[in-house]
Protein backbone atom coordinates (compact mmCIF):
# COMPACT_ATOMS: atom_id res chain seq x y z
CA UNK A 1 15.95 -38.86 1.83
CA UNK A 2 13.29 -36.08 1.87
CA UNK A 3 10.90 -36.07 -1.08
CA UNK A 4 10.42 -32.73 -2.75
CA UNK A 5 6.85 -31.44 -2.88
CA UNK A 6 5.17 -31.60 -6.28
CA UNK A 7 4.23 -27.91 -6.12
CA UNK A 8 7.08 -25.38 -6.31
CA UNK A 9 7.70 -23.73 -2.95
CA UNK A 10 8.16 -19.95 -2.76
CA UNK A 11 9.67 -18.27 0.30
CA UNK A 12 8.80 -14.56 0.62
CA UNK A 13 10.76 -12.36 3.03
CA UNK A 14 9.54 -8.91 4.06
CA UNK A 15 10.94 -6.65 6.77
CA UNK A 16 8.86 -3.49 6.49
CA UNK A 17 5.47 -4.80 7.74
CA UNK A 18 3.94 -7.95 9.20
CA UNK A 19 1.90 -10.22 6.96
CA UNK A 20 -1.04 -10.18 6.25
CA UNK A 21 -1.01 -6.51 7.30
CA UNK A 22 1.18 -5.80 4.26
CA UNK A 23 -1.71 -6.04 1.81
CA UNK A 24 0.41 -6.17 -1.35
CA UNK A 25 2.45 -9.10 -0.05
CA UNK A 26 -0.68 -10.85 1.18
CA UNK A 27 -2.33 -10.49 -2.24
CA UNK A 28 0.83 -11.99 -3.76
CA UNK A 29 0.75 -14.89 -1.30
CA UNK A 30 -2.88 -15.65 -2.08
CA UNK A 31 -2.27 -15.38 -5.83
CA UNK A 32 0.51 -17.94 -5.62
CA UNK A 33 -1.57 -20.27 -3.43
CA UNK A 34 -4.54 -20.05 -5.82
CA UNK A 35 -2.14 -20.92 -8.66
CA UNK A 36 -1.02 -24.07 -6.84
CA UNK A 37 2.29 -22.93 -5.34
CA UNK A 38 3.37 -23.70 -1.79
CA UNK A 39 4.09 -20.41 0.01
CA UNK A 40 5.98 -19.50 3.18
CA UNK A 41 6.61 -16.02 4.55
CA UNK A 42 9.19 -14.62 6.97
CA UNK A 43 8.36 -11.23 8.48
CA UNK A 44 8.43 -9.30 11.78
CA UNK A 45 5.70 -9.73 14.38
CA UNK A 46 2.93 -7.23 14.87
CA UNK A 47 1.40 -6.62 18.30
CA UNK A 48 -0.01 -9.87 19.67
CA UNK A 49 1.10 -11.94 16.67
CA UNK A 50 2.22 -15.57 17.19
CA UNK A 51 5.65 -16.74 16.09
CA UNK A 52 4.12 -19.12 13.62
CA UNK A 53 0.73 -19.55 11.99
CA UNK A 54 -0.90 -20.83 8.82
CA UNK A 55 -3.34 -18.47 7.10
CA UNK A 56 -5.23 -19.57 3.99
CA UNK A 57 -2.59 -22.22 3.42
CA UNK A 58 0.32 -19.75 3.71
CA UNK A 59 2.84 -20.65 6.40
CA UNK A 60 3.93 -17.48 8.17
CA UNK A 61 7.06 -17.38 10.35
CA UNK A 62 7.54 -14.25 12.46
CA UNK A 63 10.34 -12.86 14.61
CA UNK A 64 10.32 -10.23 17.30
CA UNK A 65 11.01 -6.88 15.56
CA UNK A 66 14.17 -4.93 16.28
CA UNK A 67 13.99 -1.95 18.66
CA UNK A 68 12.84 1.26 16.97
CA UNK A 69 15.74 2.65 14.94
CA UNK A 70 17.18 6.12 15.49
CA UNK A 71 20.09 7.49 13.49
CA UNK A 72 22.47 5.67 11.15
CA UNK A 73 23.74 3.30 13.85
CA UNK A 74 20.19 2.42 14.89
CA UNK A 75 19.20 1.56 11.33
CA UNK A 76 22.35 -0.54 10.91
CA UNK A 77 21.49 -2.52 14.04
CA UNK A 78 17.92 -2.99 12.79
CA UNK A 79 19.05 -4.22 9.37
CA UNK A 80 21.64 -6.65 10.77
CA UNK A 81 19.27 -8.00 13.43
CA UNK A 82 16.41 -8.50 10.96
CA UNK A 83 18.72 -10.06 8.37
CA UNK A 84 20.11 -12.59 10.86
CA UNK A 85 16.67 -13.50 12.20
CA UNK A 86 15.38 -13.93 8.64
CA UNK A 87 18.38 -16.04 7.63
CA UNK A 88 17.90 -18.37 10.61
CA UNK A 89 14.21 -18.76 9.90
CA UNK A 90 14.95 -19.46 6.22
CA UNK A 91 16.99 -22.48 7.34
CA UNK A 92 14.02 -23.68 9.40
CA UNK A 93 11.72 -23.27 6.40
CA UNK A 94 14.14 -25.18 4.19
CA UNK A 95 14.33 -28.08 6.67
CA UNK A 96 10.56 -28.38 6.67
CA UNK A 97 10.23 -28.10 2.90
CA UNK A 98 12.97 -26.97 0.49
CA UNK A 99 12.03 -23.89 -1.50
CA UNK A 100 12.90 -23.31 -5.14
CA UNK A 101 12.34 -19.55 -5.22
CA UNK A 102 13.10 -16.73 -2.80
CA UNK A 103 11.30 -13.38 -3.08
CA UNK A 104 12.60 -10.38 -1.14
CA UNK A 105 10.41 -7.32 -0.72
CA UNK A 106 12.26 -4.09 0.02
CA UNK A 107 12.98 -1.95 1.99
CA UNK A 108 15.74 -2.60 2.86
CA UNK A 109 17.92 -3.75 -0.04
CA UNK A 110 19.93 -6.20 2.07
CA UNK A 111 18.45 -9.60 1.22
CA UNK A 112 20.45 -10.04 -1.96
CA UNK A 113 23.18 -11.43 0.33
CA UNK A 114 20.78 -14.06 1.67
CA UNK A 115 19.74 -14.87 -1.89
CA UNK A 116 23.41 -15.35 -2.82
CA UNK A 117 23.75 -17.96 -0.06
CA UNK A 118 20.65 -19.87 -1.18
CA UNK A 119 21.69 -19.77 -4.82
CA UNK A 120 24.23 -22.44 -3.87
CA UNK A 121 21.18 -24.70 -3.39
CA UNK A 122 19.75 -23.75 -6.78
CA UNK A 123 17.21 -21.26 -5.40
CA UNK A 124 16.21 -18.49 -7.81
CA UNK A 125 15.81 -14.91 -6.58
CA UNK A 126 12.90 -12.54 -7.31
CA UNK A 127 13.27 -8.92 -6.19
CA UNK A 128 9.92 -7.26 -5.47
CA UNK A 129 10.91 -3.58 -5.35
CA UNK A 130 8.41 -1.63 -3.25
CA UNK A 131 10.58 1.46 -2.71
CA UNK A 132 13.50 3.30 -4.28
CA UNK A 133 15.74 3.58 -1.24
CA UNK A 134 18.13 6.25 -2.60
CA UNK A 135 15.10 8.43 -3.41
CA UNK A 136 13.67 7.66 0.04
CA UNK A 137 16.88 8.98 1.61
CA UNK A 138 16.82 12.12 -0.55
CA UNK A 139 13.15 12.71 0.28
CA UNK A 140 13.81 12.53 4.01
CA UNK A 141 17.16 14.30 4.27
CA UNK A 142 17.77 16.14 1.02
CA UNK A 143 20.96 16.05 -1.04
CA UNK A 144 23.74 15.29 1.48
CA UNK A 145 26.52 17.81 1.91
CA UNK A 146 28.58 16.12 4.62
CA UNK A 147 30.80 13.07 4.36
CA UNK A 148 28.51 10.93 6.53
CA UNK A 149 25.41 11.68 4.48
CA UNK A 150 27.18 11.05 1.18
CA UNK A 151 28.49 7.75 2.55
CA UNK A 152 24.99 6.65 3.59
CA UNK A 153 23.52 7.56 0.19
CA UNK A 154 26.40 5.79 -1.55
CA UNK A 155 25.77 2.67 0.52
CA UNK A 156 22.09 2.65 -0.41
CA UNK A 157 22.95 2.93 -4.10
CA UNK A 158 25.49 0.10 -3.77
CA UNK A 159 22.96 -2.15 -2.02
CA UNK A 160 20.42 -1.45 -4.75
CA UNK A 161 22.98 -2.33 -7.47
CA UNK A 162 23.87 -5.59 -5.72
CA UNK A 163 20.19 -6.50 -5.47
CA UNK A 164 19.60 -5.84 -9.17
CA UNK A 165 22.65 -7.90 -10.11
CA UNK A 166 21.64 -10.84 -7.93
CA UNK A 167 18.00 -10.98 -9.04
CA UNK A 168 16.83 -13.52 -11.60
CA UNK A 169 13.81 -11.29 -12.10
CA UNK A 170 12.65 -7.90 -10.82
CA UNK A 171 9.04 -7.00 -10.05
CA UNK A 172 8.35 -3.25 -10.20
CA UNK A 173 5.26 -1.59 -8.76
CA UNK A 174 4.85 0.85 -11.67
CA UNK A 175 6.38 2.08 -14.92
CA UNK A 176 8.59 4.65 -13.17
CA UNK A 177 10.20 1.95 -11.04
CA UNK A 178 10.53 -0.27 -14.10
CA UNK A 179 12.49 2.46 -15.91
CA UNK A 180 14.83 2.77 -12.93
CA UNK A 181 15.45 -0.98 -12.92
CA UNK A 182 16.25 -0.95 -16.63
CA UNK A 183 18.29 2.28 -16.75
CA UNK A 184 19.95 2.35 -13.33
CA UNK A 185 19.96 -1.40 -12.79
CA UNK A 186 21.15 -2.13 -16.35
CA UNK A 187 18.56 -4.89 -16.72
CA UNK A 188 17.01 -6.10 -19.96
CA UNK A 189 13.30 -5.20 -20.31
CA UNK A 190 12.35 -8.89 -20.24
CA UNK A 191 13.96 -9.17 -16.77
CA UNK A 192 11.52 -6.64 -15.27
CA UNK A 193 7.76 -7.06 -14.86
CA UNK A 194 5.36 -4.39 -13.68
CA UNK A 195 2.93 -5.66 -11.03
CA UNK A 196 0.90 -2.76 -9.68
CA UNK A 197 -0.46 -2.91 -6.15
CA UNK A 198 -4.03 -2.85 -7.34
CA UNK A 199 -6.92 -3.64 -4.97
CA UNK A 200 -8.82 -6.90 -5.27
CA UNK A 201 -12.14 -5.26 -6.10
CA UNK A 202 -14.01 -8.51 -5.49
CA UNK A 203 -13.20 -8.00 -1.81
CA UNK A 204 -12.46 -4.28 -1.58
CA UNK A 205 -15.82 -2.81 -2.45
CA UNK A 206 -18.28 -0.59 -0.58
CA UNK A 207 -20.56 -2.20 1.98
CA UNK A 208 -23.99 -1.05 3.04
CA UNK A 209 -24.08 0.89 6.31
CA UNK A 210 -25.56 -0.71 9.42
CA UNK A 211 -27.66 2.41 10.18
CA UNK A 212 -30.24 3.84 7.80
CA UNK A 213 -29.94 7.41 9.14
CA UNK A 214 -27.22 9.58 7.51
CA UNK A 215 -24.40 10.57 9.90
CA UNK A 216 -24.33 14.15 11.26
CA UNK A 217 -20.89 14.86 9.83
CA UNK A 218 -18.92 14.22 6.66
CA UNK A 219 -16.02 11.91 7.41
CA UNK A 220 -12.61 12.42 5.82
CA UNK A 221 -10.41 9.32 5.69
CA UNK A 222 -6.69 8.62 5.63
CA UNK A 223 -5.40 5.07 5.27
CA UNK A 224 -1.72 4.15 5.26
CA UNK A 225 1.66 4.32 6.87
CA UNK A 226 2.46 7.29 9.10
CA UNK A 227 6.16 7.92 8.47
CA UNK A 228 8.10 11.14 7.86
CA UNK A 229 7.73 10.82 4.09
CA UNK A 230 3.96 10.28 4.25
CA UNK A 231 3.12 13.86 5.35
CA UNK A 232 0.08 12.84 7.39
CA UNK A 233 0.37 16.13 9.30
CA UNK A 234 -1.21 17.71 6.20
CA UNK A 235 -4.46 15.94 7.09
CA UNK A 236 -4.48 17.58 10.52
CA UNK A 237 -3.73 21.01 9.06
CA UNK A 238 -6.57 20.65 6.55
CA UNK A 239 -9.05 19.55 9.23
CA UNK A 240 -7.95 22.49 11.40
CA UNK A 241 -8.52 24.85 8.46
CA UNK A 242 -11.99 23.47 7.80
CA UNK A 243 -13.15 23.32 11.41
CA UNK A 244 -11.42 26.17 13.26
CA UNK A 245 -10.73 28.67 10.47
CA UNK A 246 -13.71 28.17 8.16
CA UNK A 247 -16.07 27.21 10.97
CA UNK A 248 -17.46 23.97 9.56
CA UNK A 249 -19.21 21.84 12.16
CA UNK A 250 -20.06 19.03 9.73
CA UNK A 251 -16.54 17.56 9.29
CA UNK A 252 -14.56 14.89 11.12
CA UNK A 253 -11.61 12.70 10.13
CA UNK A 254 -10.44 9.16 10.75
CA UNK A 255 -6.76 8.25 10.38
CA UNK A 256 -6.10 4.53 9.95
CA UNK A 257 -2.56 3.18 10.23
CA UNK A 258 0.60 3.43 12.25
CA UNK A 259 4.26 4.32 11.86
CA UNK A 260 7.17 6.29 13.24
CA UNK A 261 5.16 9.53 13.39
CA UNK A 262 2.01 8.14 15.05
CA UNK A 263 2.67 9.58 18.53
CA UNK A 264 3.76 12.94 17.10
CA UNK A 265 0.55 13.12 15.05
CA UNK A 266 -1.62 12.39 18.08
CA UNK A 267 0.16 15.19 19.98
CA UNK A 268 -0.21 17.56 17.04
CA UNK A 269 -3.92 16.80 16.79
CA UNK A 270 -4.32 17.73 20.45
CA UNK A 271 -2.33 20.95 19.98
CA UNK A 272 -4.63 21.94 17.11
CA UNK A 273 -7.73 21.32 19.23
CA UNK A 274 -8.96 18.44 17.08
CA UNK A 275 -9.55 15.78 19.73
CA UNK A 276 -13.32 15.90 19.17
CA UNK A 277 -13.17 15.58 15.39
CA UNK A 278 -10.12 13.36 14.67
CA UNK A 279 -9.96 9.64 15.42
CA UNK A 280 -6.75 7.59 15.29
CA UNK A 281 -7.55 3.90 14.92
CA UNK A 282 -4.01 2.52 14.86
CA UNK A 283 -3.51 -0.80 13.12
CA UNK A 284 -6.68 -2.00 11.37
CA UNK A 285 -7.74 -5.06 9.42
CA UNK A 286 -9.78 -5.33 6.24
CA UNK A 287 -13.21 -5.48 7.97
CA UNK A 288 -12.66 -2.12 9.69
CA UNK A 289 -11.11 -0.63 6.57
CA UNK A 290 -14.21 -1.64 4.64
CA UNK A 291 -16.51 -0.13 7.25
CA UNK A 292 -14.58 3.14 7.57
CA UNK A 293 -13.98 3.75 3.86
CA UNK A 294 -17.57 2.85 3.04
CA UNK A 295 -18.73 5.47 5.56
CA UNK A 296 -16.30 8.20 4.47
CA UNK A 297 -17.15 11.07 2.12
CA UNK A 298 -13.62 11.97 0.92
CA UNK A 299 -10.27 10.15 0.91
CA UNK A 300 -7.11 12.15 1.58
CA UNK A 301 -3.72 11.68 -0.12
CA UNK A 302 -1.38 14.12 1.69
CA UNK A 303 1.91 12.91 0.16
CA UNK A 304 3.96 15.92 -0.94
CA UNK A 305 6.02 15.97 -4.13
CA UNK A 306 9.46 14.49 -3.31
CA UNK A 307 11.93 12.42 -5.35
CA UNK A 308 10.34 9.24 -3.92
CA UNK A 309 6.67 10.16 -3.69
CA UNK A 310 6.50 11.56 -7.22
CA UNK A 311 7.35 8.18 -8.77
CA UNK A 312 5.70 5.89 -6.20
CA UNK A 313 2.29 4.28 -6.45
CA UNK A 314 0.19 5.15 -3.40
CA UNK A 315 -1.92 2.14 -2.44
CA UNK A 316 -4.36 4.29 -0.51
CA UNK A 317 -5.36 6.17 -3.67
CA UNK A 318 -6.45 2.95 -5.38
CA UNK A 319 -8.06 1.58 -2.23
CA UNK A 320 -10.17 4.73 -1.90
CA UNK A 321 -11.20 4.22 -5.51
CA UNK A 322 -12.17 0.59 -4.86
CA UNK A 323 -14.62 1.82 -2.22
CA UNK A 324 -16.07 4.41 -4.62
CA UNK A 325 -14.52 7.15 -2.52
CA UNK A 326 -13.64 10.48 -4.17
CA UNK A 327 -10.25 11.77 -3.05
CA UNK A 328 -8.02 14.83 -2.98
CA UNK A 329 -4.29 14.48 -3.68
CA UNK A 330 -1.23 16.56 -4.32
CA UNK A 331 -0.34 16.41 -8.00
CA UNK A 332 2.24 13.60 -8.34
CA UNK A 333 3.25 11.72 -11.49
CA UNK A 334 2.26 8.21 -10.37
CA UNK A 335 -0.77 9.37 -8.40
CA UNK A 336 -2.16 10.74 -11.68
CA UNK A 337 -1.39 7.40 -13.33
CA UNK A 338 -3.50 5.68 -10.67
CA UNK A 339 -6.28 8.21 -10.21
CA UNK A 340 -6.49 9.72 -13.70
CA UNK A 341 -9.61 11.94 -13.75
CA UNK A 342 -11.20 10.40 -10.65
CA UNK A 343 -9.39 12.62 -8.09
CA UNK A 344 -9.08 16.32 -7.46
CA UNK A 345 -5.42 17.38 -7.69
CA UNK A 346 -3.72 20.27 -5.92
CA UNK A 347 -0.25 21.72 -6.32
CA UNK A 348 2.09 20.12 -3.79
CA UNK A 349 2.25 22.03 -0.51
CA UNK A 350 -0.82 24.19 -1.18
CA UNK A 351 -2.77 23.51 2.03
CA UNK A 352 -5.38 26.17 1.30
CA UNK A 353 -5.98 24.67 -2.13
CA UNK A 354 -6.20 21.22 -0.56
CA UNK A 355 -8.85 22.42 1.90
CA UNK A 356 -10.69 24.16 -0.97
CA UNK A 357 -10.80 20.89 -2.93
CA UNK A 358 -12.07 18.94 0.07
CA UNK A 359 -14.74 21.57 0.70
CA UNK A 360 -15.76 21.51 -2.94
CA UNK A 361 -16.43 17.78 -2.71
CA UNK A 362 -18.32 18.11 0.57
CA UNK A 363 -20.58 20.83 -0.81
CA UNK A 364 -21.17 19.34 -4.25
CA UNK A 365 -22.96 16.01 -3.89
CA UNK A 366 -23.29 15.70 -7.66
CA UNK A 367 -19.54 15.90 -8.10
CA UNK A 368 -19.04 13.33 -5.32
CA UNK A 369 -21.40 10.95 -7.08
CA UNK A 370 -19.73 11.48 -10.45
CA UNK A 371 -16.22 10.87 -9.10
CA UNK A 372 -17.42 7.91 -7.01
CA UNK A 373 -18.67 6.13 -10.12
CA UNK A 374 -15.54 7.04 -12.10
CA UNK A 375 -13.26 5.89 -9.28
CA UNK A 376 -14.98 2.55 -8.78
CA UNK A 377 -15.10 1.91 -12.52
CA UNK A 378 -11.40 2.66 -12.96
CA UNK A 379 -10.47 0.56 -9.94
CA UNK A 380 -12.37 -2.48 -11.19
CA UNK A 381 -11.66 -2.17 -14.91
CA UNK A 382 -8.10 -0.78 -15.00
CA UNK A 383 -6.40 -1.18 -11.62
CA UNK A 384 -7.90 -4.41 -10.27
CA UNK A 385 -5.52 -6.92 -8.73
CA UNK A 386 -6.67 -9.86 -10.86
CA UNK A 387 -4.75 -8.94 -14.04
CA UNK A 388 -1.84 -7.88 -11.82
CA UNK A 389 -2.00 -11.29 -10.12
CA UNK A 390 -1.81 -12.95 -13.53
CA UNK A 391 1.33 -10.94 -14.37
CA UNK A 392 2.80 -11.72 -10.95
CA UNK A 393 2.16 -15.47 -11.09
CA UNK A 394 3.36 -15.43 -14.68
CA UNK A 395 6.84 -14.47 -13.43
CA UNK A 396 6.98 -17.63 -11.34
CA UNK A 397 5.46 -19.78 -14.07
CA UNK A 398 8.21 -18.65 -16.43
CA UNK A 399 10.96 -19.18 -13.85
CA UNK A 400 9.72 -22.69 -13.07
CA UNK A 401 8.51 -23.61 -16.57
CA UNK A 402 5.15 -24.47 -15.06
CA UNK A 403 1.73 -24.70 -16.69
CA UNK A 404 -1.41 -24.20 -14.61
CA UNK A 405 -5.16 -23.80 -14.90
CA UNK A 406 -6.94 -20.55 -13.97
CA UNK A 407 -8.82 -20.65 -10.68
CA UNK A 408 -12.51 -19.67 -10.39
CA UNK A 409 -13.48 -16.26 -9.10
CA UNK A 410 -14.67 -15.79 -5.55
CA UNK A 411 -18.33 -15.16 -4.86
CA UNK A 412 -19.55 -11.78 -3.64
CA UNK A 413 -21.38 -11.30 -0.35
CA UNK A 414 -24.93 -9.92 -0.46
CA UNK A 415 -24.13 -7.10 1.99
CA UNK A 416 -22.05 -5.30 -0.63
CA UNK A 417 -23.35 -2.27 -2.46
CA UNK A 418 -24.51 -3.08 -5.99
CA UNK A 419 -21.79 -1.03 -7.69
CA UNK A 420 -23.23 -1.84 -11.11
CA UNK A 421 -26.41 0.06 -10.30
CA UNK A 422 -26.02 3.80 -10.86
CA UNK A 423 -29.03 4.57 -8.70
CA UNK A 424 -27.95 2.40 -5.75
CA UNK A 425 -24.40 3.75 -5.88
CA UNK A 426 -25.74 7.30 -5.97
CA UNK A 427 -27.96 6.67 -2.93
CA UNK A 428 -25.01 5.11 -1.13
CA UNK A 429 -22.66 8.04 -1.84
CA UNK A 430 -25.22 10.61 -0.73
CA UNK A 431 -25.88 8.66 2.48
CA UNK A 432 -22.23 8.95 3.53
CA UNK A 433 -22.77 12.35 5.15
CA UNK A 434 -25.30 15.06 5.98
CA UNK A 435 -27.95 15.61 3.35
CA UNK A 436 -27.13 18.70 1.26
CA UNK A 437 -28.39 19.86 -2.16
CA UNK A 438 -26.09 19.35 -5.12
CA UNK A 439 -24.66 22.61 -6.51
CA UNK A 440 -24.01 21.16 -9.96
CA UNK A 441 -25.58 18.51 -12.10
CA UNK A 442 -23.05 15.73 -12.63
CA UNK A 443 -24.63 12.62 -14.12
CA UNK A 444 -23.36 9.64 -12.16
CA UNK A 445 -22.28 7.61 -15.12
CA UNK A 446 -21.06 10.53 -17.24
């Protein structure tokens, strides 16, 4: 007879991104490991990924992703294929070491059915809700008028209800999602815990540049998924406005990430004549993210106001802040919750206003320094992952009735910028682009 491991075993399933590329899920995995839990993950493969590997003690099982979905039938095939592959791998995980808890990260809202099957073995189900799928549908396609569209929206709402009803506990990424879980999911407040996707500011922090000479251009940065709802084309339109309409020769942009719209964005960049000033990196890891965001002058949040975006927490906003990077964003409810007074906000869809705000930051080094300090301070003191990790692990401690000891903090590498020093941070921010006189006097720590 197999002996159960002394540490509770958590199986996390995620379909949207590979792990550790999905930074929220990877932070969760590491938090559980540091708290003494055994952790396994099932997710799709990324390019060049092995079928199985162990990273920082987390056992990761990966399957070949489904072909790219197109249309309702394509998405159905993708969901069924991924569900079956995940279910089969969950049996393999169980045979190696039985798990006591199953966490499903949406989208999609289909893994409640897998949780129902494992509940027969006494496994408890945690629903980590990353997206509101009905709002995602409305943001992409609008309010449906035809029978097919209404049926698809109705199915998404039904799947969400089934997931809420199956869950022993729901983890929401922000207060807006928490309200939906309580009001639409009919859950008691104590069944829902907010765990924001905050950056681990011990690791995500600006690094000193390799070169001592300031770059010839200001670099604008975008980091994130490139899907239809992410509106990354706004970045290209803003760069076109700055370079070809306003005649700035001191601006370039780097776009980090991938998604359904990647190829279309590359083509659009070429059409706009931006090949010399726009770089697409594709999939990137934390070392390159640190290098790029530390070198950038302004972070861009192009997400327009939609039913989904307005109530969603944008990880990129907080990650820019962790790297002391001022940013420009369309004015969304949850983006303001994250950024507070550390970003410049523009009415959704106002591309001229967006370009104006970017240009204001580029031309006002004092303002950049002021917002850089405010952003880094808010990221480390308000949005940092460590208190979020405590809330997250607390969910599992309560479900398992487990007591644990806090783990020591990680040490910080010497190559990092001393973010506690106003003078060093100011020198670092000013060195991110061409030297230009400040137009206003903004004290860095004000």
